[in-house]
Amino acid sequence: MAILSSIGKHHLVAIRTLVANLEDDIVSLMKSHRIMVVRPEGAQLPPLPFAVRSVGWRRSMQGEKEYNPPRPFWQLWWNEDGSGILDGSPAGSTALGAGMVSWHAPGEAHHVHNRGPWTYRWLTLDGGEVGAFLSACGYDHQQRRLQPGVAAPSQLFERLAVEVNDPLGARRAFATAVQILTQATEPPPRDEDPLVEQCLLRIEAHYADPLYGIAALAHDLHTHRSTLHRRCVRAWGMGPGARLQSRRLAAVLEALGNTQGSIAAIARNCGFADPAYCARVVRRATGLSPRALRGMKSTTPRRTAPSSPQ
């Protein structure tokens, strides 16, 4: 009877230990959740300025830390909610509040720790032209922090995961990554200026007209060009001419993936009187010609089963 009692006590201790361990595992899973999709080995990589290596999402609770040794690729974080700190970049300790973006270059070790519940999306890129592309888009490699004027584009990140998981999806993944990277440089909203608001409405209404420029904008808004430029720079960080061209460029990039018209026709329909100049603008922004970009973005990408979290 004493022997049975002893065995029972040992079993009880073992069961209690097992339950405690299970509870710890459950709490850990509740506190930290991570999903990652990595480009399959042997995936076809066409000659592009860069390729998307992986994409993911992470949610962590207060006090969690993660150390990442130097890696041979670029990594970008886009904070969705909460706040955290990235250590290890040339900028030192980078605090990320809600909606903020930061990134690390190849060979940079970094620590990640949060100030409370923290949710962010991330992607990694490899290829020799990543740094030049980010610089052309307005990324400051010394400051390493952006405050976009838009929320993290969750649908684009989710679409990117499908494309990265597809061994034949490198071109579509590149096109989606370009959209994410350029959206991160959208200026944050400033104090509303009625003149600037009207300017934005005019740009949206007339960007497709190649003859519509700064002179027409100023005339329609009953103001001087220098006044319009000064107030737009104060509100957007760029003048009305740059904003008009940015809108035309966005229309061209969308049309290249979604329409079958000639490249010259697309340029004219999106407000570029000279298709050759349009091609130079596209190449300066993306590193590729319109012809090379054409067909990269599929409006109905083939869906594949997601990779197992790693």
Protein backbone atom coordinates (compact mmCIF):
# COMPACT_ATOMS: atom_id res chain seq x y z
CA MET A 1 0.00 0.00 0.00
CA ALA A 2 2.90 2.31 0.82
CA ILE A 3 4.51 1.44 -2.52
CA LEU A 4 1.29 2.28 -4.41
CA SER A 5 1.00 5.50 -2.45
CA SER A 6 4.57 6.41 -3.38
CA ILE A 7 3.93 5.64 -7.06
CA GLY A 8 0.75 7.66 -6.94
CA LYS A 9 2.61 10.61 -5.47
CA HIS A 10 5.29 10.41 -8.19
CA HIS A 11 2.61 10.24 -10.88
CA LEU A 12 0.82 13.20 -9.38
CA VAL A 13 4.02 15.24 -9.36
CA ALA A 14 4.74 14.25 -12.97
CA ILE A 15 1.21 15.16 -14.07
CA ARG A 16 1.41 18.51 -12.29
CA THR A 17 4.79 19.21 -13.95
CA LEU A 18 3.38 18.27 -17.35
CA VAL A 19 0.37 20.52 -16.89
CA ALA A 20 2.61 23.39 -15.77
CA ASN A 21 4.81 22.95 -18.84
CA LEU A 22 1.77 22.85 -21.11
CA GLU A 23 0.45 26.03 -19.50
CA ASP A 24 3.82 27.70 -20.08
CA ASP A 25 3.72 26.64 -23.74
CA ILE A 26 0.18 27.93 -24.16
CA VAL A 27 1.03 31.23 -22.51
CA SER A 28 4.09 31.51 -24.73
CA LEU A 29 2.02 30.91 -27.86
CA MET A 30 -0.55 33.44 -26.70
CA LYS A 31 2.15 36.01 -26.02
CA SER A 32 4.19 35.55 -29.17
CA HIS A 33 2.96 34.58 -32.60
CA ARG A 34 5.00 34.60 -35.77
CA ILE A 35 4.22 33.66 -39.35
CA MET A 36 6.95 33.53 -41.99
CA VAL A 37 6.93 32.53 -45.67
CA VAL A 38 10.35 31.95 -47.26
CA ARG A 39 11.11 31.78 -50.96
CA PRO A 40 11.33 28.10 -51.98
CA GLU A 41 14.73 26.66 -52.77
CA GLY A 42 15.28 26.52 -56.53
CA ALA A 43 12.74 29.28 -57.24
CA GLN A 44 13.27 30.92 -60.63
CA LEU A 45 14.82 34.38 -60.17
CA PRO A 46 14.62 36.53 -63.31
CA PRO A 47 17.11 39.42 -63.77
CA LEU A 48 15.48 42.03 -61.56
CA PRO A 49 17.01 44.80 -59.38
CA PHE A 50 16.21 42.68 -56.33
CA ALA A 51 14.16 39.68 -55.19
CA VAL A 52 11.88 39.10 -52.21
CA ARG A 53 13.44 36.47 -49.97
CA SER A 54 10.77 36.21 -47.27
CA VAL A 55 7.76 37.96 -45.75
CA GLY A 56 6.07 37.63 -42.39
CA TRP A 57 4.05 38.92 -39.48
CA ARG A 58 4.79 38.93 -35.75
CA ARG A 59 2.86 39.70 -32.59
CA SER A 60 4.66 39.86 -29.25
CA MET A 61 3.88 40.94 -25.70
CA GLN A 62 5.70 43.24 -23.31
CA GLY A 63 9.23 42.27 -22.37
CA GLU A 64 9.95 39.90 -25.26
CA LYS A 65 13.35 40.24 -26.92
CA GLU A 66 14.91 38.77 -30.04
CA TYR A 67 18.52 38.84 -31.22
CA ASN A 68 19.26 38.55 -34.93
CA PRO A 69 22.86 37.95 -36.03
CA PRO A 70 24.22 39.60 -39.19
CA ARG A 71 22.38 38.38 -42.29
CA PRO A 72 23.24 38.77 -46.01
CA PHE A 73 19.96 40.51 -46.91
CA TRP A 74 17.92 43.66 -46.30
CA GLN A 75 15.02 43.59 -43.85
CA LEU A 76 12.17 46.09 -43.52
CA TRP A 77 9.69 46.37 -40.62
CA TRP A 78 6.31 48.09 -40.86
CA ASN A 79 4.72 48.54 -37.45
CA GLU A 80 0.98 47.89 -37.31
CA ASP A 81 0.20 48.44 -33.65
CA GLY A 82 2.00 49.02 -30.36
CA SER A 83 5.64 50.06 -30.10
CA GLY A 84 9.08 48.49 -30.06
CA ILE A 85 12.79 49.22 -30.37
CA LEU A 86 15.33 48.09 -32.95
CA ASP A 87 18.98 48.25 -31.90
CA GLY A 88 22.04 47.81 -34.09
CA SER A 89 21.65 50.08 -37.12
CA PRO A 90 23.94 53.06 -37.84
CA ALA A 91 21.16 55.20 -36.37
CA GLY A 92 21.60 53.42 -33.02
CA SER A 93 18.45 52.59 -31.09
CA THR A 94 15.37 53.17 -33.28
CA ALA A 95 12.00 53.46 -31.54
CA LEU A 96 9.05 52.44 -33.71
CA GLY A 97 5.64 53.78 -32.86
CA ALA A 98 2.37 52.79 -34.50
CA GLY A 99 2.57 52.90 -38.29
CA MET A 100 6.32 53.57 -38.47
CA VAL A 101 8.82 51.87 -40.80
CA SER A 102 12.47 50.93 -40.27
CA TRP A 103 15.02 48.73 -42.07
CA HIS A 104 18.43 47.07 -41.76
CA ALA A 105 21.11 46.53 -44.38
CA PRO A 106 23.02 43.28 -44.99
CA GLY A 107 25.64 42.45 -42.37
CA GLU A 108 23.95 44.39 -39.55
CA ALA A 109 23.11 42.50 -36.37
CA HIS A 110 20.11 43.85 -34.52
CA HIS A 111 18.10 43.39 -31.34
CA VAL A 112 14.31 43.61 -31.27
CA HIS A 113 12.49 44.33 -28.00
CA ASN A 114 9.12 45.81 -27.28
CA ARG A 115 7.63 48.31 -24.89
CA GLY A 116 4.28 46.53 -24.73
CA PRO A 117 2.05 44.52 -27.06
CA TRP A 118 3.57 44.93 -30.51
CA THR A 119 2.41 43.82 -33.96
CA TYR A 120 4.43 44.37 -37.10
CA ARG A 121 4.89 43.07 -40.64
CA TRP A 122 8.24 42.58 -42.31
CA LEU A 123 9.90 41.50 -45.52
CA THR A 124 13.46 40.66 -46.56
CA LEU A 125 15.12 41.46 -49.88
CA ASP A 126 18.29 40.31 -51.60
CA GLY A 127 20.04 41.54 -54.73
CA GLY A 128 22.62 44.16 -55.58
CA GLU A 129 20.24 47.07 -56.26
CA VAL A 130 18.18 47.17 -53.05
CA GLY A 131 20.09 50.05 -51.45
CA ALA A 132 20.00 52.17 -54.61
CA PHE A 133 16.27 51.53 -55.07
CA LEU A 134 15.48 52.54 -51.47
CA SER A 135 17.58 55.69 -51.83
CA ALA A 136 15.74 56.61 -55.04
CA CYS A 137 12.43 56.19 -53.19
CA GLY A 138 13.52 58.57 -50.42
CA TYR A 139 14.75 56.20 -47.70
CA ASP A 140 17.32 57.88 -45.43
CA HIS A 141 20.01 55.27 -44.71
CA GLN A 142 21.33 57.28 -41.76
CA GLN A 143 18.08 57.91 -39.94
CA ARG A 144 16.55 54.48 -40.73
CA ARG A 145 13.03 55.51 -39.80
CA LEU A 146 9.95 56.66 -41.73
CA GLN A 147 6.49 57.81 -40.66
CA PRO A 148 4.29 57.01 -43.69
CA GLY A 149 1.05 58.82 -44.29
CA VAL A 150 -0.73 55.47 -44.79
CA ALA A 151 -1.27 52.42 -42.58
CA ALA A 152 0.66 49.19 -43.16
CA PRO A 153 -0.83 47.71 -46.36
CA SER A 154 -1.84 44.35 -44.89
CA GLN A 155 -3.48 43.13 -48.12
CA LEU A 156 -0.28 43.76 -50.08
CA PHE A 157 1.77 41.87 -47.49
CA GLU A 158 -0.67 38.96 -47.64
CA ARG A 159 -0.58 38.92 -51.43
CA LEU A 160 3.21 39.04 -51.27
CA ALA A 161 3.22 35.92 -49.07
CA VAL A 162 1.30 34.00 -51.75
CA GLU A 163 3.69 35.20 -54.45
CA VAL A 164 6.84 34.44 -52.45
CA ASN A 165 5.57 30.91 -51.79
CA ASP A 166 5.16 30.33 -55.55
CA PRO A 167 8.40 29.06 -57.19
CA LEU A 168 7.35 30.97 -60.33
CA GLY A 169 6.11 34.09 -58.53
CA ALA A 170 9.32 36.17 -58.33
CA ARG A 171 8.17 38.78 -60.89
CA ARG A 172 4.81 39.30 -59.21
CA ALA A 173 6.50 39.41 -55.80
CA PHE A 174 8.88 42.10 -57.08
CA ALA A 175 5.98 44.23 -58.36
CA THR A 176 4.10 43.91 -55.05
CA ALA A 177 7.24 44.72 -53.05
CA VAL A 178 7.71 47.87 -55.14
CA GLN A 179 4.20 48.97 -54.16
CA ILE A 180 4.90 48.35 -50.46
CA LEU A 181 8.25 50.13 -50.53
CA THR A 182 6.88 53.18 -52.34
CA GLN A 183 3.81 53.43 -50.10
CA ALA A 184 6.13 53.61 -47.10
CA THR A 185 7.41 56.97 -48.38
CA GLU A 186 3.96 58.56 -48.58
CA PRO A 187 4.18 61.76 -46.50
CA PRO A 188 2.22 61.88 -43.24
CA PRO A 189 -0.88 64.07 -43.07
CA ARG A 190 -0.23 67.64 -42.01
CA ASP A 191 -2.54 70.40 -40.81
CA GLU A 192 -5.20 70.82 -43.46
CA ASP A 193 -4.62 73.67 -45.86
CA PRO A 194 -7.68 74.47 -48.04
CA LEU A 195 -5.47 75.49 -50.94
CA VAL A 196 -3.48 72.25 -50.74
CA GLU A 197 -6.65 70.19 -50.45
CA GLN A 198 -8.03 71.82 -53.59
CA CYS A 199 -4.70 71.28 -55.34
CA LEU A 200 -4.86 67.56 -54.58
CA LEU A 201 -8.40 67.36 -55.94
CA ARG A 202 -7.33 69.12 -59.14
CA ILE A 203 -4.38 66.77 -59.58
CA GLU A 204 -6.64 63.74 -59.18
CA ALA A 205 -9.13 65.12 -61.67
CA HIS A 206 -6.62 66.20 -64.35
CA TYR A 207 -3.44 64.11 -64.01
CA ALA A 208 -4.34 62.13 -67.15
CA ASP A 209 -4.26 65.31 -69.25
CA PRO A 210 -0.69 65.76 -70.58
CA LEU A 211 -1.31 69.50 -71.05
CA TYR A 212 -2.29 70.04 -67.43
CA GLY A 213 0.68 71.40 -65.47
CA ILE A 214 1.64 73.82 -62.71
CA ALA A 215 0.50 76.89 -64.62
CA ALA A 216 -2.98 75.40 -65.05
CA LEU A 217 -3.06 74.37 -61.40
CA ALA A 218 -2.18 77.84 -60.18
CA HIS A 219 -4.68 79.41 -62.58
CA ASP A 220 -7.52 77.11 -61.46
CA LEU A 221 -6.73 77.79 -57.81
CA HIS A 222 -6.45 81.58 -58.31
CA THR A 223 -3.00 81.78 -56.74
CA HIS A 224 0.58 82.44 -57.72
CA ARG A 225 2.82 79.48 -58.61
CA SER A 226 5.35 80.34 -55.89
CA THR A 227 2.59 80.52 -53.25
CA LEU A 228 1.21 77.18 -54.34
CA HIS A 229 4.67 75.59 -54.32
CA ARG A 230 5.50 76.90 -50.83
CA ARG A 231 2.26 75.69 -49.25
CA CYS A 232 2.43 72.27 -50.93
CA VAL A 233 6.00 71.75 -49.72
CA ARG A 234 4.91 72.69 -46.20
CA ALA A 235 2.03 70.18 -46.34
CA TRP A 236 3.53 67.33 -48.39
CA GLY A 237 7.28 67.77 -48.29
CA MET A 238 7.20 68.17 -52.09
CA GLY A 239 5.98 70.69 -54.63
CA PRO A 240 2.81 70.34 -56.75
CA GLY A 241 4.86 69.38 -59.82
CA ALA A 242 6.47 66.44 -58.01
CA ARG A 243 3.09 65.36 -56.64
CA LEU A 244 1.52 65.53 -60.11
CA GLN A 245 4.31 63.42 -61.59
CA SER A 246 4.10 60.95 -58.72
CA ARG A 247 0.38 60.49 -59.43
CA ARG A 248 1.06 59.93 -63.12
CA LEU A 249 3.81 57.43 -62.32
CA ALA A 250 1.47 55.48 -60.01
CA ALA A 251 -1.12 55.34 -62.80
CA VAL A 252 1.47 54.05 -65.27
CA LEU A 253 2.70 51.31 -62.92
CA GLU A 254 -0.86 50.16 -62.30
CA ALA A 255 -1.75 50.20 -66.00
CA LEU A 256 1.35 48.21 -66.98
CA GLY A 257 0.12 45.31 -64.87
CA ASN A 258 -3.61 45.56 -65.57
CA THR A 259 -4.08 46.66 -69.21
CA GLN A 260 -3.04 45.38 -72.64
CA GLY A 261 -2.60 48.72 -74.42
CA SER A 262 0.70 49.78 -75.93
CA ILE A 263 3.26 51.38 -73.63
CA ALA A 264 3.06 54.62 -75.61
CA ALA A 265 -0.73 54.68 -75.20
CA ILE A 266 -0.44 53.99 -71.48
CA ALA A 267 2.01 56.89 -71.12
CA ARG A 268 -0.34 59.31 -72.89
CA ASN A 269 -3.43 58.06 -71.03
CA CYS A 270 -1.64 58.61 -67.71
CA GLY A 271 -0.60 62.18 -68.49
CA PHE A 272 2.83 61.81 -70.11
CA ALA A 273 2.98 63.61 -73.47
CA ASP A 274 6.32 61.99 -74.29
CA PRO A 275 6.49 58.16 -73.90
CA ALA A 276 10.30 58.30 -73.86
CA TYR A 277 10.25 60.68 -70.89
CA CYS A 278 7.69 58.40 -69.19
CA ALA A 279 10.08 55.48 -69.65
CA ARG A 280 12.90 57.47 -68.02
CA VAL A 281 10.68 58.32 -65.03
CA VAL A 282 9.69 54.66 -64.62
CA ARG A 283 13.30 53.47 -64.86
CA ARG A 284 14.49 56.10 -62.38
CA ALA A 285 11.83 54.99 -59.87
CA THR A 286 12.06 51.20 -60.30
CA GLY A 287 15.35 50.46 -62.04
CA LEU A 288 13.49 48.82 -64.94
CA SER A 289 11.96 49.92 -68.22
CA PRO A 290 8.15 49.86 -68.69
CA ARG A 291 8.57 46.91 -71.04
CA ALA A 292 10.44 44.92 -68.39
CA LEU A 293 7.83 45.74 -65.76
CA ARG A 294 4.89 44.82 -67.98
CA GLY A 295 3.08 41.69 -66.94
CA MET A 296 4.88 41.32 -63.61
CA LYS A 297 1.80 42.04 -61.53
CA SER A 298 -1.00 39.54 -61.97
CA THR A 299 -4.47 40.68 -60.98
CA THR A 300 -5.37 37.07 -60.14
CA PRO A 301 -2.22 35.40 -58.78
CA ARG A 302 -2.27 31.63 -58.47
CA ARG A 303 -2.83 30.64 -54.88
CA THR A 304 -0.71 27.98 -53.24
CA ALA A 305 -0.74 26.40 -49.85
CA PRO A 306 1.18 28.59 -47.35
CA SER A 307 4.49 27.43 -46.00
CA SER A 308 4.64 26.07 -42.50
CA PRO A 309 5.72 28.71 -39.95
CA GLN A 310 9.45 28.53 -39.30
